[in-house]
């Protein structure tokens, strides 16, 4: 949550200084590419394969064996990353034709995107190593240090905007160098966290040991399956580059708001669930694993369904209050609000994918998600091409949401058909009540929006106050409705907190 708040502060500065013009489009592509590969391979396939194997080593052979395994993986990962990044840096002008083909029509924007991406791309090396270090800490039951790394990224980007701007050509250059420095800081932060956790890692000579080969076998199919959302988002950028200037930026800003509940809820639940399911399945405690998956689904629905409806019914005030200043004008706010609505339709699906995927990965099954992902990517491409004509960038965002729902449904159906997912009585009773409470909250927000119309159209201070009142009223309304319809029981929440303290 802290990282997301700082992320909003960062994006407010970015919107004010870059707006939604050619420099903004170029930087967002430069920022998207290393993050795409990081989420696809490092956070997606790598974590899905590494955490269960590391957890098994830790449980069956002890900490020393697990540390040797982590060091073997680290040495190979460093070599692969250095080679991959070097090749991409050399091929960047040609690669940009694949990543943002629409930029070729504007040589100045195309050259700027190549230049900024060459600055940001080494970030992939450090953040991929951070992903492994975070997996080690999560397997040890220590989540705070890894969860805090995005805070360091946002601090570095804010510092770069405030400190480097007078010394570089554009704000895009300042942000690009901020990304580069942030990767180094995050890596050093987690190296120290691992040392404090008793895992002081060294770099042995790279070797494809049997354990490393097993990891690679799991990674290769998982690189596609675990990263389907990222593949879809990248496809969106490629297609959006063919649309009018600003389309890439509208999608970026809209997705940033959508990423708040996804990052706070979906990533957190998925990160905590994978090592938990791995331990329970290793201990052959299938009932406990089923219960954990049900509670994760309930928690995800409890928070994401109201968040999605809120973003659908009041996108305008959220975007205008956060971003509409400087060179980010009312037209940009309206276009970004439309993108936010389209992304928000798929928000529950994005989070459900994060919850359901560990059900496969904990069983060392990275092949099944690949088959499902292939279907979803094709759907995303086809729907984007169909919808981009009449809906422009909004069609690209909506296509991503549609493919996310297909992904979530197929993952859930496959788990259920194998007997790995059965909705228990509590979840079957709570889910419709959560929906009822969420619809009631949406009605409260719509009423509040009309009641606060004068303040929302006023000056900066009045708009901020109105948005705070609107969001606070929605939260209070949702809480009251949840208690009224039985979507949440206070005694259970208190019991969870007592167990956590214990």
Protein backbone atom coordinates (compact mmCIF):
# COMPACT_ATOMS: atom_id res chain seq x y z
CA UNK A 1 0.00 0.00 0.00
CA UNK A 2 2.86 2.39 0.81
CA UNK A 3 4.48 1.65 -2.55
CA UNK A 4 1.21 2.31 -4.38
CA UNK A 5 0.70 5.64 -2.59
CA UNK A 6 4.24 6.68 -3.51
CA UNK A 7 3.51 5.41 -7.01
CA UNK A 8 0.58 7.80 -7.24
CA UNK A 9 2.83 10.65 -6.11
CA UNK A 10 5.31 9.63 -8.81
CA UNK A 11 2.61 9.46 -11.50
CA UNK A 12 1.19 12.83 -10.47
CA UNK A 13 4.64 14.33 -11.10
CA UNK A 14 5.01 12.41 -14.37
CA UNK A 15 1.59 13.54 -15.59
CA UNK A 16 2.31 17.16 -14.71
CA UNK A 17 5.73 17.19 -16.42
CA UNK A 18 5.21 14.79 -19.33
CA UNK A 19 1.43 14.75 -19.84
CA UNK A 20 0.36 12.40 -22.63
CA UNK A 21 2.65 13.58 -25.42
CA UNK A 22 5.47 11.98 -27.46
CA UNK A 23 8.05 12.09 -24.63
CA UNK A 24 5.59 10.38 -22.30
CA UNK A 25 4.80 7.72 -24.91
CA UNK A 26 8.52 7.07 -25.46
CA UNK A 27 9.29 6.76 -21.75
CA UNK A 28 6.34 4.48 -21.02
CA UNK A 29 7.54 2.09 -23.72
CA UNK A 30 11.08 2.28 -22.31
CA UNK A 31 9.74 1.55 -18.82
CA UNK A 32 7.35 -1.15 -20.00
CA UNK A 33 9.90 -3.34 -21.80
CA UNK A 34 12.26 -4.31 -18.93
CA UNK A 35 9.25 -4.63 -16.64
CA UNK A 36 7.55 -6.88 -19.18
CA UNK A 37 10.47 -9.30 -19.26
CA UNK A 38 10.84 -9.03 -15.48
CA UNK A 39 7.20 -9.92 -14.83
CA UNK A 40 7.14 -12.56 -17.53
CA UNK A 41 10.32 -14.47 -16.63
CA UNK A 42 11.46 -13.30 -13.20
CA UNK A 43 8.26 -12.70 -11.22
CA UNK A 44 6.16 -15.04 -13.34
CA UNK A 45 7.82 -18.19 -14.59
CA UNK A 46 10.93 -18.01 -12.43
CA UNK A 47 9.16 -17.48 -9.11
CA UNK A 48 6.51 -20.07 -9.95
CA UNK A 49 9.22 -22.67 -10.56
CA UNK A 50 11.85 -21.59 -8.02
CA UNK A 51 9.75 -21.19 -4.86
CA UNK A 52 8.35 -24.78 -4.73
CA UNK A 53 11.80 -26.27 -5.48
CA UNK A 54 13.56 -24.09 -2.93
CA UNK A 55 10.85 -24.84 -0.35
CA UNK A 56 11.33 -28.57 -0.93
CA UNK A 57 15.11 -28.29 -0.52
CA UNK A 58 14.65 -26.27 2.65
CA UNK A 59 12.23 -28.78 4.16
CA UNK A 60 13.81 -32.06 3.08
CA UNK A 61 17.55 -31.32 3.08
CA UNK A 62 17.94 -28.25 5.28
CA UNK A 63 19.02 -24.64 4.94
CA UNK A 64 22.57 -25.40 3.75
CA UNK A 65 21.35 -27.46 0.78
CA UNK A 66 18.72 -24.86 -0.06
CA UNK A 67 21.37 -22.13 -0.01
CA UNK A 68 23.64 -24.11 -2.36
CA UNK A 69 20.70 -24.55 -4.74
CA UNK A 70 19.97 -20.81 -4.61
CA UNK A 71 23.62 -20.03 -5.36
CA UNK A 72 23.68 -22.43 -8.32
CA UNK A 73 20.60 -20.73 -9.73
CA UNK A 74 21.98 -17.24 -9.04
CA UNK A 75 25.22 -17.88 -10.95
CA UNK A 76 23.37 -19.19 -14.02
CA UNK A 77 20.81 -16.40 -13.85
CA UNK A 78 23.53 -13.71 -13.84
CA UNK A 79 25.15 -15.13 -16.99
CA UNK A 80 21.82 -15.48 -18.83
CA UNK A 81 20.74 -11.96 -17.92
CA UNK A 82 24.03 -10.38 -18.99
CA UNK A 83 23.92 -12.15 -22.36
CA UNK A 84 20.24 -11.37 -22.96
CA UNK A 85 20.52 -7.69 -22.04
CA UNK A 86 23.65 -7.25 -24.17
CA UNK A 87 21.91 -8.73 -27.21
CA UNK A 88 18.80 -6.59 -26.72
CA UNK A 89 20.89 -3.43 -26.29
CA UNK A 90 22.68 -4.12 -29.58
CA UNK A 91 19.44 -4.93 -31.40
CA UNK A 92 17.37 -2.16 -29.79
CA UNK A 93 16.67 -0.11 -32.96
CA UNK A 94 15.37 -3.22 -34.72
CA UNK A 95 13.59 -4.52 -31.60
CA UNK A 96 11.67 -1.25 -31.30
CA UNK A 97 9.97 -1.99 -34.62
CA UNK A 98 8.46 -5.03 -32.92
CA UNK A 99 7.66 -3.43 -29.56
CA UNK A 100 6.26 -0.11 -30.84
CA UNK A 101 5.89 -0.29 -34.64
CA UNK A 102 3.64 2.76 -34.75
CA UNK A 103 6.49 4.98 -33.54
CA UNK A 104 8.28 4.48 -36.87
CA UNK A 105 5.97 7.08 -38.41
CA UNK A 106 7.54 9.70 -36.09
CA UNK A 107 11.37 9.35 -36.35
CA UNK A 108 11.99 11.72 -33.44
CA UNK A 109 9.75 9.77 -31.08
CA UNK A 110 11.16 6.46 -32.35
CA UNK A 111 14.77 7.54 -31.72
CA UNK A 112 13.86 8.85 -28.28
CA UNK A 113 12.18 5.55 -27.38
CA UNK A 114 15.32 3.64 -28.45
CA UNK A 115 17.57 5.94 -26.42
CA UNK A 116 15.45 5.78 -23.26
CA UNK A 117 15.02 2.01 -23.50
CA UNK A 118 18.79 1.53 -23.71
CA UNK A 119 19.06 3.41 -20.42
CA UNK A 120 16.28 1.50 -18.66
CA UNK A 121 16.90 -2.02 -19.95
CA UNK A 122 19.78 -2.93 -17.58
CA UNK A 123 17.17 -2.57 -14.83
CA UNK A 124 16.05 -6.04 -15.93
CA UNK A 125 19.31 -7.57 -14.65
CA UNK A 126 18.96 -6.22 -11.14
CA UNK A 127 15.22 -6.63 -10.76
CA UNK A 128 15.38 -10.25 -11.96
CA UNK A 129 17.97 -10.99 -9.28
CA UNK A 130 15.68 -9.20 -6.85
CA UNK A 131 12.93 -11.63 -7.83
CA UNK A 132 15.08 -14.61 -6.85
CA UNK A 133 16.14 -12.99 -3.59
CA UNK A 134 12.49 -12.19 -2.84
CA UNK A 135 11.53 -15.81 -3.54
CA UNK A 136 14.13 -16.97 -1.02
CA UNK A 137 12.84 -14.59 1.64
CA UNK A 138 9.19 -15.51 0.95
CA UNK A 139 10.03 -19.21 1.27
CA UNK A 140 11.56 -18.42 4.65
CA UNK A 141 8.30 -16.73 5.69
CA UNK A 142 9.80 -13.22 5.51
CA UNK A 143 7.70 -11.04 3.21
CA UNK A 144 8.32 -7.44 4.31
CA UNK A 145 11.70 -6.71 2.71
CA UNK A 146 10.72 -7.98 -0.75
CA UNK A 147 7.33 -6.28 -0.56
CA UNK A 148 9.09 -2.98 0.19
CA UNK A 149 11.26 -2.97 -2.95
CA UNK A 150 8.71 -1.03 -5.08
CA UNK A 151 8.91 1.74 -2.47
CA UNK A 152 12.60 2.15 -3.35
CA UNK A 153 11.73 2.32 -7.07
CA UNK A 154 9.20 5.08 -6.52
CA UNK A 155 11.56 7.05 -4.27
CA UNK A 156 14.29 6.79 -6.92
CA UNK A 157 11.95 7.98 -9.70
CA UNK A 158 10.60 10.88 -7.65
CA UNK A 159 14.17 11.85 -6.72
CA UNK A 160 15.26 11.65 -10.36
CA UNK A 161 12.42 13.93 -11.48
CA UNK A 162 13.15 16.47 -8.77
CA UNK A 163 16.95 16.28 -8.88
CA UNK A 164 18.05 15.39 -12.42
CA UNK A 165 15.62 17.42 -14.53
CA UNK A 166 17.88 20.52 -14.81
CA UNK A 167 20.81 18.38 -16.02
CA UNK A 168 19.20 16.17 -18.71
CA UNK A 169 17.52 16.76 -22.04
CA UNK A 170 13.94 15.82 -21.07
CA UNK A 171 11.96 14.58 -18.09
CA UNK A 172 11.91 11.21 -19.87
CA UNK A 173 15.72 11.02 -19.58
CA UNK A 174 15.55 11.83 -15.85
CA UNK A 175 13.01 9.06 -15.30
CA UNK A 176 15.02 6.56 -17.36
CA UNK A 177 18.14 7.12 -15.25
CA UNK A 178 15.98 6.88 -12.14
CA UNK A 179 14.83 3.41 -13.25
CA UNK A 180 18.44 2.30 -13.78
CA UNK A 181 19.56 3.48 -10.33
CA UNK A 182 16.48 1.99 -8.66
CA UNK A 183 17.42 -1.51 -9.84
CA UNK A 184 20.82 -1.28 -8.14
CA UNK A 185 19.30 0.02 -4.90
CA UNK A 186 16.65 -2.72 -4.79
CA UNK A 187 19.25 -5.43 -5.41
CA UNK A 188 21.54 -4.20 -2.60
CA UNK A 189 18.53 -3.92 -0.26
CA UNK A 190 17.56 -7.58 -0.69
CA UNK A 191 21.14 -8.85 -0.57
CA UNK A 192 21.33 -7.38 2.92
CA UNK A 193 17.88 -8.75 3.82
CA UNK A 194 18.96 -12.27 2.79
CA UNK A 195 22.15 -11.92 4.82
CA UNK A 196 20.11 -11.00 7.88
CA UNK A 197 17.87 -14.02 7.25
CA UNK A 198 20.91 -16.34 7.29
CA UNK A 199 21.27 -16.67 3.50
CA UNK A 200 24.55 -14.96 2.57
CA UNK A 201 24.73 -15.90 -1.09
CA UNK A 202 27.93 -16.30 -3.11
CA UNK A 203 28.52 -16.77 -6.84
CA UNK A 204 29.96 -20.20 -7.65
CA UNK A 205 31.07 -21.11 -11.15
CA UNK A 206 27.96 -21.39 -13.37
CA UNK A 207 26.92 -25.00 -13.83
CA UNK A 208 23.78 -26.71 -15.13
CA UNK A 209 23.39 -29.05 -12.16
CA UNK A 210 20.44 -31.48 -12.08
CA UNK A 211 18.56 -29.11 -9.79
CA UNK A 212 19.12 -26.16 -12.11
CA UNK A 213 18.07 -28.24 -15.13
CA UNK A 214 14.86 -29.18 -13.31
CA UNK A 215 14.22 -25.49 -12.68
CA UNK A 216 14.75 -24.68 -16.36
CA UNK A 217 12.33 -27.42 -17.40
CA UNK A 218 9.66 -25.79 -15.24
CA UNK A 219 10.53 -22.24 -16.32
CA UNK A 220 10.34 -22.67 -20.08
CA UNK A 221 6.59 -23.39 -20.33
CA UNK A 222 5.82 -21.21 -17.33
CA UNK A 223 7.39 -18.17 -19.01
CA UNK A 224 4.31 -18.03 -21.20
CA UNK A 225 1.68 -19.33 -18.80
CA UNK A 226 2.52 -17.20 -15.75
CA UNK A 227 2.98 -14.04 -17.77
CA UNK A 228 -0.19 -14.05 -19.84
CA UNK A 229 -1.41 -10.77 -18.34
CA UNK A 230 1.94 -9.14 -19.15
CA UNK A 231 1.90 -10.53 -22.69
CA UNK A 232 -1.57 -9.11 -23.15
CA UNK A 233 -0.51 -5.71 -21.82
CA UNK A 234 2.51 -5.66 -24.14
CA UNK A 235 0.25 -6.54 -27.08
CA UNK A 236 -1.85 -3.59 -26.00
CA UNK A 237 1.19 -1.29 -26.18
CA UNK A 238 2.15 -2.60 -29.62
CA UNK A 239 -1.36 -2.01 -30.97
CA UNK A 240 -1.72 1.32 -29.14
CA UNK A 241 1.48 2.55 -30.82
CA UNK A 242 -0.48 2.36 -34.08
CA UNK A 243 -3.18 4.67 -32.70
CA UNK A 244 -3.01 8.49 -32.33
CA UNK A 245 -0.32 10.05 -30.12
CA UNK A 246 -1.22 9.80 -26.46
CA UNK A 247 -2.87 6.37 -26.68
CA UNK A 248 0.08 4.61 -25.00
CA UNK A 249 -0.01 7.21 -22.21
CA UNK A 250 -3.77 6.92 -21.68
CA UNK A 251 -3.42 3.16 -21.27
CA UNK A 252 -0.48 3.61 -18.90
CA UNK A 253 -2.24 6.04 -16.57
CA UNK A 254 -5.46 4.01 -16.60
CA UNK A 255 -3.58 0.82 -15.84
CA UNK A 256 -1.70 2.51 -12.99
CA UNK A 257 -4.97 3.12 -11.14
CA UNK A 258 -6.14 -0.40 -11.93
CA UNK A 259 -2.84 -1.74 -10.58
CA UNK A 260 -3.56 -0.42 -7.05
CA UNK A 261 -5.98 -3.19 -6.03
CA UNK A 262 -4.19 -5.69 -8.29
CA UNK A 263 -0.82 -4.97 -6.69
CA UNK A 264 -2.03 -4.66 -3.12
CA UNK A 265 -4.42 -7.63 -3.19
CA UNK A 266 -3.64 -9.95 -6.09
CA UNK A 267 0.15 -9.95 -5.91
CA UNK A 268 0.13 -10.14 -2.10
CA UNK A 269 -2.29 -13.07 -1.98
CA UNK A 270 -0.50 -14.94 -4.77
CA UNK A 271 2.92 -14.37 -3.19
CA UNK A 272 1.81 -15.66 0.21
CA UNK A 273 -0.29 -18.51 -1.19
CA UNK A 274 2.37 -20.24 -3.30
CA UNK A 275 4.80 -21.24 -0.50
CA UNK A 276 1.84 -22.08 1.78
CA UNK A 277 0.27 -24.44 -0.77
CA UNK A 278 3.69 -25.93 -1.56
CA UNK A 279 4.21 -26.84 2.10
CA UNK A 280 0.68 -28.21 2.57
CA UNK A 281 0.82 -30.34 -0.58
CA UNK A 282 4.29 -31.59 0.29
CA UNK A 283 2.88 -32.69 3.66
CA UNK A 284 -0.02 -34.35 1.80
CA UNK A 285 -2.50 -32.16 3.68
CA UNK A 286 -4.97 -31.78 0.81
CA UNK A 287 -7.79 -30.55 3.04
CA UNK A 288 -5.66 -27.69 4.36
CA UNK A 289 -4.59 -26.79 0.81
CA UNK A 290 -8.21 -26.71 -0.34
CA UNK A 291 -9.16 -24.52 2.62
CA UNK A 292 -6.28 -22.13 1.92
CA UNK A 293 -7.34 -21.76 -1.70
CA UNK A 294 -10.96 -21.10 -0.71
CA UNK A 295 -9.98 -18.45 1.81
CA UNK A 296 -7.70 -16.79 -0.73
CA UNK A 297 -10.56 -16.68 -3.24
CA UNK A 298 -12.93 -15.26 -0.62
CA UNK A 299 -10.43 -12.59 0.41
CA UNK A 300 -9.75 -11.65 -3.22
CA UNK A 301 -13.45 -11.31 -4.05
CA UNK A 302 -14.15 -9.40 -0.84
CA UNK A 303 -11.73 -6.65 -1.86
CA UNK A 304 -11.66 -6.66 -5.66
CA UNK A 305 -15.36 -6.76 -6.56
CA UNK A 306 -16.13 -3.46 -4.77
CA UNK A 307 -12.87 -1.95 -6.08
CA UNK A 308 -13.81 -2.82 -9.66
CA UNK A 309 -17.31 -1.37 -9.34
CA UNK A 310 -15.94 1.79 -7.72
CA UNK A 311 -13.49 2.36 -10.57
CA UNK A 312 -16.26 1.78 -13.11
CA UNK A 313 -18.74 4.26 -11.61
CA UNK A 314 -16.42 7.14 -10.60
CA UNK A 315 -13.39 7.05 -12.96
CA UNK A 316 -13.64 10.74 -13.85
CA UNK A 317 -13.11 12.21 -10.37
CA UNK A 318 -10.26 9.77 -9.65
CA UNK A 319 -8.33 10.58 -12.82
CA UNK A 320 -8.95 14.34 -12.75
CA UNK A 321 -7.94 14.75 -9.10
CA UNK A 322 -4.81 12.62 -9.43
CA UNK A 323 -3.49 13.68 -12.82
CA UNK A 324 -5.22 16.74 -14.30
CA UNK A 325 -2.60 19.45 -13.82
CA UNK A 326 0.31 20.88 -15.77
CA UNK A 327 0.32 19.56 -19.33
CA UNK A 328 -2.22 16.82 -18.50
CA UNK A 329 -5.46 18.49 -19.60
CA UNK A 330 -9.18 17.69 -19.42
CA UNK A 331 -9.13 15.83 -22.74
CA UNK A 332 -6.38 13.55 -21.45
CA UNK A 333 -8.42 12.97 -18.27
CA UNK A 334 -11.49 11.94 -20.26
CA UNK A 335 -9.51 9.57 -22.50
CA UNK A 336 -7.73 8.03 -19.49
CA UNK A 337 -11.02 7.62 -17.59
CA UNK A 338 -12.43 5.60 -20.48
CA UNK A 339 -9.35 3.34 -20.43
CA UNK A 340 -9.70 2.90 -16.66
CA UNK A 341 -13.30 1.72 -16.98
CA UNK A 342 -12.31 -0.85 -19.60
CA UNK A 343 -9.42 -2.15 -17.47
CA UNK A 344 -11.55 -2.23 -14.30
CA UNK A 345 -14.07 -4.59 -15.88
CA UNK A 346 -11.34 -7.23 -15.74
CA UNK A 347 -9.94 -6.37 -12.30
CA UNK A 348 -11.51 -9.31 -10.41
CA UNK A 349 -10.25 -11.64 -13.15
CA UNK A 350 -6.67 -10.32 -12.91
CA UNK A 351 -6.68 -11.03 -9.17
CA UNK A 352 -8.36 -14.44 -9.54
CA UNK A 353 -5.60 -15.48 -11.94
CA UNK A 354 -3.03 -14.56 -9.26
CA UNK A 355 -4.94 -16.72 -6.75
CA UNK A 356 -5.65 -19.71 -8.99
CA UNK A 357 -2.23 -20.01 -10.65
CA UNK A 358 -0.47 -21.16 -7.44
CA UNK A 359 -2.82 -24.16 -7.48
CA UNK A 360 -0.85 -25.36 -10.51
CA UNK A 361 2.60 -24.05 -9.62
CA UNK A 362 2.57 -25.59 -6.13
CA UNK A 363 2.12 -28.97 -7.87
CA UNK A 364 5.06 -28.15 -10.18
CA UNK A 365 2.64 -27.98 -13.12
CA UNK A 366 3.70 -25.10 -15.35
CA UNK A 367 2.48 -26.73 -18.57
CA UNK A 368 -1.28 -26.47 -18.09
CA UNK A 369 -1.27 -22.66 -17.70
CA UNK A 370 0.61 -22.46 -21.01
CA UNK A 371 -2.25 -24.08 -22.88
CA UNK A 372 -4.73 -21.75 -21.24
CA UNK A 373 -2.47 -18.74 -21.85
CA UNK A 374 -2.20 -19.52 -25.55
CA UNK A 375 -5.97 -19.34 -25.88
CA UNK A 376 -6.09 -16.05 -23.96
CA UNK A 377 -3.36 -14.37 -25.99
CA UNK A 378 -5.13 -15.24 -29.25
CA UNK A 379 -8.40 -13.87 -27.83
CA UNK A 380 -6.64 -10.67 -26.75
CA UNK A 381 -5.08 -10.08 -30.16
CA UNK A 382 -8.30 -10.79 -32.06
CA UNK A 383 -10.46 -8.65 -29.77
CA UNK A 384 -7.92 -5.79 -29.81
CA UNK A 385 -7.89 -5.74 -33.61
CA UNK A 386 -11.70 -5.85 -33.70
CA UNK A 387 -12.26 -3.18 -31.04
CA UNK A 388 -9.43 -0.74 -31.82
CA UNK A 389 -11.28 0.56 -34.87
CA UNK A 390 -14.50 1.75 -33.23
CA UNK A 391 -13.11 2.26 -29.68
CA UNK A 392 -9.42 3.21 -30.26
CA UNK A 393 -7.33 2.75 -27.07
CA UNK A 394 -10.41 1.81 -25.01
CA UNK A 395 -10.89 -1.24 -27.21
CA UNK A 396 -7.32 -2.36 -26.44
CA UNK A 397 -7.98 -2.13 -22.69
CA UNK A 398 -11.32 -3.92 -22.98
CA UNK A 399 -9.73 -6.75 -24.97
CA UNK A 400 -7.23 -7.25 -22.14
CA UNK A 401 -10.09 -7.53 -19.64
CA UNK A 402 -11.98 -10.04 -21.77
CA UNK A 403 -8.93 -12.29 -22.12
CA UNK A 404 -8.29 -12.05 -18.36
CA UNK A 405 -11.80 -13.35 -17.62
CA UNK A 406 -11.31 -16.25 -20.02
CA UNK A 407 -7.99 -17.01 -18.31
CA UNK A 408 -9.52 -17.01 -14.81
CA UNK A 409 -12.50 -19.13 -15.83
CA UNK A 410 -10.36 -21.75 -17.57
CA UNK A 411 -7.88 -21.95 -14.67
CA UNK A 412 -10.70 -22.43 -12.16
CA UNK A 413 -12.53 -24.97 -14.32
CA UNK A 414 -9.35 -27.00 -14.84
CA UNK A 415 -8.51 -27.08 -11.13
CA UNK A 416 -12.09 -28.11 -10.32
CA UNK A 417 -12.14 -30.87 -12.96
CA UNK A 418 -8.99 -32.35 -11.41
CA UNK A 419 -10.43 -32.25 -7.92
CA UNK A 420 -8.01 -29.53 -6.79
CA UNK A 421 -10.66 -26.87 -6.30
CA UNK A 422 -14.04 -27.26 -4.67
CA UNK A 423 -15.86 -24.19 -3.40
CA UNK A 424 -16.70 -24.77 0.25
CA UNK A 425 -19.99 -23.81 1.90
CA UNK A 426 -18.59 -20.59 3.34
CA UNK A 427 -17.37 -19.27 -0.01
CA UNK A 428 -20.61 -20.25 -1.78
CA UNK A 429 -22.57 -18.35 0.86
CA UNK A 430 -20.29 -15.29 0.98
CA UNK A 431 -19.72 -14.66 -2.74
CA UNK A 432 -23.28 -13.53 -3.61
CA UNK A 433 -23.40 -11.41 -0.43
CA UNK A 434 -20.16 -9.70 -1.44
CA UNK A 435 -21.74 -8.90 -4.81
CA UNK A 436 -24.88 -7.48 -3.18
CA UNK A 437 -22.83 -5.29 -0.83
CA UNK A 438 -20.65 -4.12 -3.74
CA UNK A 439 -23.66 -3.12 -5.85
CA UNK A 440 -25.05 -1.21 -2.87
CA UNK A 441 -21.72 0.57 -2.47
CA UNK A 442 -21.77 1.51 -6.17
CA UNK A 443 -25.20 3.09 -5.64
CA UNK A 444 -23.80 5.08 -2.71
CA UNK A 445 -20.93 6.31 -4.91
CA UNK A 446 -23.26 7.34 -7.73
CA UNK A 447 -25.43 9.30 -5.28
CA UNK A 448 -22.37 10.91 -3.72
CA UNK A 449 -20.98 11.83 -7.14
CA UNK A 450 -24.14 13.74 -8.03
CA UNK A 451 -24.33 15.33 -4.58
CA UNK A 452 -20.71 16.50 -4.69
CA UNK A 453 -20.83 17.63 -8.33
CA UNK A 454 -20.17 21.28 -7.43
CA UNK A 455 -17.06 20.49 -5.39
CA UNK A 456 -15.73 18.02 -7.97
CA UNK A 457 -15.89 20.68 -10.68
CA UNK A 458 -14.29 23.32 -8.46
CA UNK A 459 -10.71 24.18 -7.61
CA UNK A 460 -7.90 21.82 -6.64
CA UNK A 461 -8.55 21.78 -2.89
CA UNK A 462 -12.29 21.35 -3.29
CA UNK A 463 -11.84 18.48 -5.75
CA UNK A 464 -9.45 16.66 -3.46
CA UNK A 465 -11.80 17.07 -0.49
CA UNK A 466 -14.74 15.86 -2.55
CA UNK A 467 -12.85 12.77 -3.71
CA UNK A 468 -11.80 11.96 -0.14
CA UNK A 469 -15.42 12.27 1.01
CA UNK A 470 -16.61 10.17 -1.91
CA UNK A 471 -14.10 7.37 -1.34
CA UNK A 472 -14.59 7.45 2.44
CA UNK A 473 -18.36 7.29 2.04
CA UNK A 474 -18.04 4.37 -0.36
CA UNK A 475 -15.79 2.45 2.05
CA UNK A 476 -18.13 3.13 4.97
CA UNK A 477 -21.14 2.11 2.92
CA UNK A 478 -19.49 -1.11 1.80
CA UNK A 479 -18.45 -1.98 5.34
CA UNK A 480 -21.95 -1.39 6.69
CA UNK A 481 -23.57 -3.38 3.87
CA UNK A 482 -21.14 -6.28 4.36
CA UNK A 483 -22.13 -6.50 8.02
CA UNK A 484 -25.82 -6.16 7.17
CA UNK A 485 -25.92 -8.94 4.56
CA UNK A 486 -23.34 -11.20 6.23
CA UNK A 487 -20.54 -10.81 3.68
CA UNK A 488 -18.12 -10.40 6.60
CA UNK A 489 -18.26 -11.45 10.23
CA UNK A 490 -16.34 -9.26 12.74
CA UNK A 491 -15.58 -12.20 15.02
CA UNK A 492 -13.77 -14.01 12.20
CA UNK A 493 -11.69 -10.92 11.41
CA UNK A 494 -10.75 -10.53 15.06
CA UNK A 495 -9.85 -14.20 15.22
CA UNK A 496 -7.59 -13.87 12.18
CA UNK A 497 -5.80 -10.92 13.77
CA UNK A 498 -5.31 -12.81 17.04
CA UNK A 499 -3.79 -15.76 15.18
CA UNK A 500 -1.53 -13.42 13.25
CA UNK A 501 -0.26 -11.78 16.44
CA UNK A 502 0.33 -15.20 17.95
